[in-house]
């Protein structure tokens, strides 16, 4: 498989269909701090155009922290970007906890022996969907968490994970049979370029946040998708931040990342969320190198205001 094919897969998903998983519920725990847990099954890469859903979980960790009080608390699962947990907790953990939410920051990389997937996309967002649902199962069994009020919030690669996890397909595959489900989804600057039938419907309210100047995960396709979902009667919307680049809420300064894989000009069409690519829709030469990241204090302030209002509305 070429590196270009690997890079496109990081944005495009792909695989072969599988039955919904039947999984043993995670045991209840009162633990806080770094918690080890099994994912809700797995998604295996089959080849350059397909993935396969399977019941074998990975073991990963998450950092669980609580606001003051005894609970039970609503909770936010936070999914990091392609460079791992370098900024996620610092940017959002204290703020969310000050609003009364427990936070669970996923580490999708450490348990898999991965350091980053920005330049070597060995783990696609689709493969992290079981991570989010495994975290949900863990939190739903926790005595200090309100199992009916758990949301998923992800950034960049984790934002793409959040988009995929929001689909009814993901809920049916990884949280079927009456298992706990996410109350809402908050993807920040996800990649929305790929098209596949399972994009619709979503399983819970979807609120996208992205910068209009993003040259890594462009805003246009996400805006089009949000409009399409809303027109189809789905509870979806997007907040666009003028002049804001990728990682506007986390990066401290404006700089160029010269070596990251960039699929902003790739628009793959797939027969399903699990592939394969529709013939002629996956020109791997579309993947380029380099992207801009830049903090934006004004956009961050507005995003926090908007997110808090959305949480107040959707997490009652």
Protein backbone atom coordinates (compact mmCIF):
# COMPACT_ATOMS: atom_id res chain seq x y z
CA UNK A 1 0.00 0.00 0.00
CA UNK A 2 1.40 3.45 -0.84
CA UNK A 3 1.79 6.20 1.76
CA UNK A 4 -0.68 8.26 -0.29
CA UNK A 5 -3.23 5.48 0.00
CA UNK A 6 -2.64 5.32 3.74
CA UNK A 7 -3.10 9.07 4.00
CA UNK A 8 -6.36 9.06 2.10
CA UNK A 9 -7.64 6.27 4.32
CA UNK A 10 -7.04 8.45 7.34
CA UNK A 11 -9.66 10.82 5.95
CA UNK A 12 -11.88 8.42 4.05
CA UNK A 13 -12.77 5.37 6.23
CA UNK A 14 -13.45 2.12 4.09
CA UNK A 15 -14.08 -1.56 4.90
CA UNK A 16 -16.43 -4.52 4.56
CA UNK A 17 -19.76 -4.92 6.31
CA UNK A 18 -20.22 -6.88 9.54
CA UNK A 19 -23.03 -7.74 11.91
CA UNK A 20 -23.65 -5.62 15.01
CA UNK A 21 -21.43 -6.60 17.92
CA UNK A 22 -22.62 -8.44 21.01
CA UNK A 23 -20.37 -7.35 23.87
CA UNK A 24 -20.13 -7.99 27.60
CA UNK A 25 -20.89 -4.79 29.56
CA UNK A 26 -18.01 -3.10 31.32
CA UNK A 27 -18.04 -3.66 35.08
CA UNK A 28 -19.03 -0.73 37.28
CA UNK A 29 -16.18 1.24 38.81
CA UNK A 30 -15.76 4.29 40.98
CA UNK A 31 -12.24 4.98 39.72
CA UNK A 32 -10.99 8.40 38.71
CA UNK A 33 -7.65 9.32 37.18
CA UNK A 34 -6.18 7.28 34.35
CA UNK A 35 -8.44 4.30 33.70
CA UNK A 36 -7.69 1.32 31.46
CA UNK A 37 -10.67 -0.10 29.57
CA UNK A 38 -11.55 -2.24 26.54
CA UNK A 39 -12.87 -0.65 23.39
CA UNK A 40 -16.33 -1.66 22.17
CA UNK A 41 -14.96 -4.17 19.69
CA UNK A 42 -12.65 -3.15 16.87
CA UNK A 43 -12.36 -2.03 13.28
CA UNK A 44 -9.62 -3.78 11.31
CA UNK A 45 -8.03 -2.46 8.15
CA UNK A 46 -8.51 -5.05 5.40
CA UNK A 47 -6.81 -3.28 2.51
CA UNK A 48 -6.53 0.15 0.87
CA UNK A 49 -10.27 0.27 0.28
CA UNK A 50 -11.94 -1.63 3.12
CA UNK A 51 -12.21 -2.10 6.86
CA UNK A 52 -13.89 -4.88 8.82
CA UNK A 53 -15.81 -4.61 12.09
CA UNK A 54 -14.88 -7.31 14.58
CA UNK A 55 -15.54 -8.17 18.23
CA UNK A 56 -11.90 -8.18 19.37
CA UNK A 57 -11.30 -5.08 21.51
CA UNK A 58 -8.16 -3.07 22.09
CA UNK A 59 -7.17 -1.95 25.59
CA UNK A 60 -6.69 1.79 25.86
CA UNK A 61 -6.81 4.41 28.60
CA UNK A 62 -8.63 7.59 29.46
CA UNK A 63 -8.17 10.29 32.09
CA UNK A 64 -11.34 10.71 34.16
CA UNK A 65 -11.74 13.90 36.20
CA UNK A 66 -14.67 15.33 38.14
CA UNK A 67 -15.94 18.80 38.99
CA UNK A 68 -16.48 19.65 42.67
CA UNK A 69 -19.39 17.81 44.29
CA UNK A 70 -20.69 14.29 44.66
CA UNK A 71 -22.59 13.87 41.40
CA UNK A 72 -23.88 12.09 39.51
CA UNK A 73 -22.47 14.39 36.83
CA UNK A 74 -23.07 14.75 33.12
CA UNK A 75 -19.88 13.86 31.27
CA UNK A 76 -17.96 14.78 28.13
CA UNK A 77 -15.71 12.25 26.38
CA UNK A 78 -12.88 14.18 24.69
CA UNK A 79 -11.16 12.70 21.61
CA UNK A 80 -7.73 14.07 20.71
CA UNK A 81 -6.32 14.93 17.30
CA UNK A 82 -3.68 13.24 15.18
CA UNK A 83 -0.82 14.33 17.47
CA UNK A 84 -2.31 12.74 20.58
CA UNK A 85 -3.12 14.21 23.98
CA UNK A 86 -0.85 17.24 23.88
CA UNK A 87 -3.43 20.02 24.21
CA UNK A 88 -6.90 18.53 24.67
CA UNK A 89 -7.04 18.52 28.47
CA UNK A 90 -5.38 21.93 28.83
CA UNK A 91 -7.66 23.59 26.28
CA UNK A 92 -10.99 22.19 27.44
CA UNK A 93 -10.79 20.08 30.61
CA UNK A 94 -10.79 22.84 33.25
CA UNK A 95 -13.42 24.84 31.37
CA UNK A 96 -15.84 21.93 31.05
CA UNK A 97 -15.38 20.93 34.67
CA UNK A 98 -16.03 24.53 35.75
CA UNK A 99 -19.37 24.18 33.94
CA UNK A 100 -20.20 21.10 36.03
CA UNK A 101 -19.19 18.31 33.61
CA UNK A 102 -16.97 15.34 34.32
CA UNK A 103 -14.34 14.88 31.60
CA UNK A 104 -12.86 11.70 30.16
CA UNK A 105 -9.92 12.38 27.86
CA UNK A 106 -9.31 9.39 25.60
CA UNK A 107 -5.84 8.16 24.69
CA UNK A 108 -6.34 6.17 21.50
CA UNK A 109 -2.60 5.91 20.85
CA UNK A 110 -0.70 4.79 23.95
CA UNK A 111 -2.30 1.37 24.27
CA UNK A 112 -1.68 0.74 20.58
CA UNK A 113 1.97 1.86 20.64
CA UNK A 114 1.28 4.83 18.34
CA UNK A 115 2.85 8.25 18.84
CA UNK A 116 1.07 10.24 16.10
CA UNK A 117 -0.91 9.77 12.90
CA UNK A 118 -0.43 13.19 11.30
CA UNK A 119 2.44 12.04 9.09
CA UNK A 120 1.97 8.27 9.28
CA UNK A 121 -1.78 7.57 9.35
CA UNK A 122 -1.71 4.04 10.73
CA UNK A 123 -5.02 4.53 12.56
CA UNK A 124 -8.03 6.00 10.76
CA UNK A 125 -10.84 7.88 12.55
CA UNK A 126 -13.21 4.98 11.84
CA UNK A 127 -10.94 2.67 13.82
CA UNK A 128 -11.34 4.95 16.86
CA UNK A 129 -15.15 4.80 16.92
CA UNK A 130 -15.07 1.71 19.19
CA UNK A 131 -12.82 3.71 21.55
CA UNK A 132 -15.55 6.29 22.08
CA UNK A 133 -18.25 3.68 22.61
CA UNK A 134 -16.04 1.72 24.99
CA UNK A 135 -15.57 4.91 26.99
CA UNK A 136 -19.33 5.42 26.99
CA UNK A 137 -19.90 1.93 28.39
CA UNK A 138 -17.34 2.58 31.13
CA UNK A 139 -18.86 5.92 32.11
CA UNK A 140 -22.43 4.60 32.01
CA UNK A 141 -21.46 2.07 34.71
CA UNK A 142 -19.82 4.69 36.94
CA UNK A 143 -21.75 5.65 40.09
CA UNK A 144 -20.75 9.32 39.80
CA UNK A 145 -21.80 9.69 36.14
CA UNK A 146 -25.30 10.30 34.84
CA UNK A 147 -25.44 7.60 32.16
CA UNK A 148 -28.15 9.44 30.23
CA UNK A 149 -26.07 12.61 29.87
CA UNK A 150 -22.78 11.70 28.21
CA UNK A 151 -21.61 13.58 25.10
CA UNK A 152 -18.69 13.09 22.70
CA UNK A 153 -16.46 16.01 21.71
CA UNK A 154 -13.49 15.56 19.38
CA UNK A 155 -10.87 17.63 17.62
CA UNK A 156 -9.49 17.25 14.07
CA UNK A 157 -8.80 13.48 13.74
CA UNK A 158 -10.94 13.12 16.89
CA UNK A 159 -13.51 15.42 15.30
CA UNK A 160 -13.74 13.06 12.35
CA UNK A 161 -14.12 10.21 14.85
CA UNK A 162 -16.96 12.20 16.45
CA UNK A 163 -18.69 12.68 13.09
CA UNK A 164 -18.54 8.94 12.41
CA UNK A 165 -19.64 8.05 15.94
CA UNK A 166 -22.69 10.28 15.50
CA UNK A 167 -24.14 8.09 12.77
CA UNK A 168 -27.03 5.75 13.49
CA UNK A 169 -24.79 3.04 12.03
CA UNK A 170 -22.22 3.53 14.79
CA UNK A 171 -24.83 3.43 17.54
CA UNK A 172 -26.43 0.28 16.13
CA UNK A 173 -23.04 -1.39 15.65
CA UNK A 174 -21.34 -0.50 18.92
CA UNK A 175 -24.21 0.33 21.32
CA UNK A 176 -27.13 -1.77 20.18
CA UNK A 177 -29.54 -3.76 22.29
CA UNK A 178 -30.52 -0.94 24.60
CA UNK A 179 -26.98 -0.03 25.66
CA UNK A 180 -26.19 3.52 26.75
CA UNK A 181 -26.00 6.04 23.91
CA UNK A 182 -24.42 9.45 23.50
CA UNK A 183 -26.67 12.40 24.25
CA UNK A 184 -24.98 14.73 21.72
CA UNK A 185 -21.93 15.11 19.48
CA UNK A 186 -19.60 18.11 19.22
CA UNK A 187 -16.95 17.71 16.48
CA UNK A 188 -14.40 20.50 16.19
CA UNK A 189 -12.78 21.03 12.75
CA UNK A 190 -13.48 17.49 11.45
CA UNK A 191 -12.90 16.27 7.91
CA UNK A 192 -16.28 16.02 6.15
CA UNK A 193 -15.07 15.35 2.59
CA UNK A 194 -16.01 11.69 2.22
CA UNK A 195 -19.50 10.72 1.10
CA UNK A 196 -21.20 7.45 2.02
CA UNK A 197 -24.82 6.42 2.72
CA UNK A 198 -24.42 6.09 6.49
CA UNK A 199 -23.72 9.83 6.86
CA UNK A 200 -27.49 10.00 7.38
CA UNK A 201 -29.16 9.64 9.81
CA UNK A 202 -27.43 10.77 13.01
CA UNK A 203 -28.29 9.16 16.34
CA UNK A 204 -28.33 12.34 18.45
CA UNK A 205 -27.93 16.11 18.00
CA UNK A 206 -24.80 17.06 16.06
CA UNK A 207 -23.12 20.47 16.51
CA UNK A 208 -20.08 21.10 14.31
CA UNK A 209 -17.54 23.86 15.11
CA UNK A 210 -14.93 24.83 12.52
CA UNK A 211 -12.87 27.74 11.22
CA UNK A 212 -13.64 29.29 7.85
CA UNK A 213 -9.92 29.63 7.06
CA UNK A 214 -9.07 25.98 7.82
CA UNK A 215 -6.83 24.59 5.06
CA UNK A 216 -6.48 21.10 6.58
CA UNK A 217 -10.09 20.07 7.23
CA UNK A 218 -12.02 22.62 5.16
CA UNK A 219 -15.23 24.16 6.42
CA UNK A 220 -17.14 24.00 3.13
CA UNK A 221 -17.91 20.26 3.05
CA UNK A 222 -18.96 20.35 6.71
CA UNK A 223 -21.30 23.28 6.04
CA UNK A 224 -22.79 21.42 3.07
CA UNK A 225 -23.24 18.28 5.16
CA UNK A 226 -24.89 20.18 8.02
CA UNK A 227 -27.33 21.80 5.59
CA UNK A 228 -28.07 18.45 3.99
CA UNK A 229 -28.69 16.78 7.33
CA UNK A 230 -30.95 19.60 8.51
CA UNK A 231 -32.90 19.53 5.24
CA UNK A 232 -33.46 15.81 5.81
CA UNK A 233 -34.95 16.49 9.23
CA UNK A 234 -31.82 15.64 11.24
CA UNK A 235 -30.85 17.65 14.33
CA UNK A 236 -27.60 19.06 12.98
CA UNK A 237 -26.00 22.50 12.72
CA UNK A 238 -22.62 24.14 12.23
CA UNK A 239 -20.91 27.15 13.76
CA UNK A 240 -18.35 28.78 11.47
CA UNK A 241 -15.65 31.07 12.85
CA UNK A 242 -14.45 33.76 10.39
CA UNK A 243 -10.69 33.98 9.96
CA UNK A 244 -10.09 30.94 12.17
CA UNK A 245 -7.63 28.23 11.13
CA UNK A 246 -7.23 24.62 12.19
CA UNK A 247 -6.84 24.14 15.96
CA UNK A 248 -8.05 27.68 16.59
CA UNK A 249 -8.97 26.65 20.13
CA UNK A 250 -5.66 24.99 21.02
CA UNK A 251 -2.66 26.31 19.07
CA UNK A 252 -0.80 29.18 20.74
CA UNK A 253 0.51 30.81 17.56
CA UNK A 254 0.26 30.77 13.79
CA UNK A 255 2.58 28.30 12.10
CA UNK A 256 2.87 25.87 9.20
CA UNK A 257 3.18 22.10 9.66
CA UNK A 258 5.13 21.09 6.54
CA UNK A 259 5.08 17.30 6.84
CA UNK A 260 1.50 16.41 7.79
CA UNK A 261 -0.72 14.60 5.31
CA UNK A 262 -3.44 16.86 3.94
CA UNK A 263 -6.58 15.43 2.32
CA UNK A 264 -8.45 18.72 1.96
CA UNK A 265 -8.60 18.27 -1.82
CA UNK A 266 -9.77 14.65 -1.63
CA UNK A 267 -13.49 13.91 -1.99
CA UNK A 268 -13.83 10.11 -1.98
CA UNK A 269 -17.16 8.44 -2.65
CA UNK A 270 -17.76 5.11 -0.93
CA UNK A 271 -20.35 2.40 -1.35
CA UNK A 272 -20.78 2.34 2.45
CA UNK A 273 -19.07 3.62 5.57
CA UNK A 274 -17.12 0.36 5.35
CA UNK A 275 -16.22 0.76 1.68
CA UNK A 276 -15.08 0.08 -0.85
CA UNK A 277 -14.29 3.25 -2.76
CA UNK A 278 -16.57 3.88 -5.70
CA UNK A 279 -14.57 3.34 -8.89
CA UNK A 280 -12.66 6.46 -9.88
CA UNK A 281 -13.38 8.39 -6.67
CA UNK A 282 -10.13 7.77 -4.79
CA UNK A 283 -7.27 9.43 -6.69
CA UNK A 284 -4.54 9.03 -4.09
CA UNK A 285 -2.51 11.79 -5.76
CA UNK A 286 -4.93 14.30 -4.20
CA UNK A 287 -3.16 13.97 -0.83
CA UNK A 288 -0.67 16.79 -0.30
CA UNK A 289 1.72 17.83 2.45
CA UNK A 290 1.42 20.70 4.89
CA UNK A 291 -1.28 22.56 6.81
CA UNK A 292 -1.74 25.72 8.85
CA UNK A 293 -2.60 25.73 12.55
CA UNK A 294 -3.25 28.92 14.46
CA UNK A 295 -4.75 29.93 17.76
CA UNK A 296 -7.52 32.52 17.62
CA UNK A 297 -8.57 34.04 20.91
CA UNK A 298 -11.73 35.61 19.52
CA UNK A 299 -12.88 32.38 17.88
CA UNK A 300 -12.08 30.42 21.04
CA UNK A 301 -14.12 32.82 23.17
CA UNK A 302 -17.07 32.57 20.79
CA UNK A 303 -16.76 28.78 20.59
CA UNK A 304 -16.86 28.49 24.37
CA UNK A 305 -19.95 30.69 24.54
CA UNK A 306 -21.71 28.73 21.80
CA UNK A 307 -20.71 25.35 23.19
CA UNK A 308 -21.90 26.19 26.68
CA UNK A 309 -25.28 27.29 25.32
CA UNK A 310 -25.52 24.07 23.30
CA UNK A 311 -24.63 21.96 26.32
CA UNK A 312 -27.19 23.79 28.44
CA UNK A 313 -29.83 23.02 25.80
CA UNK A 314 -28.93 19.44 24.91
CA UNK A 315 -27.62 18.00 28.19
CA UNK A 316 -30.53 18.92 30.47
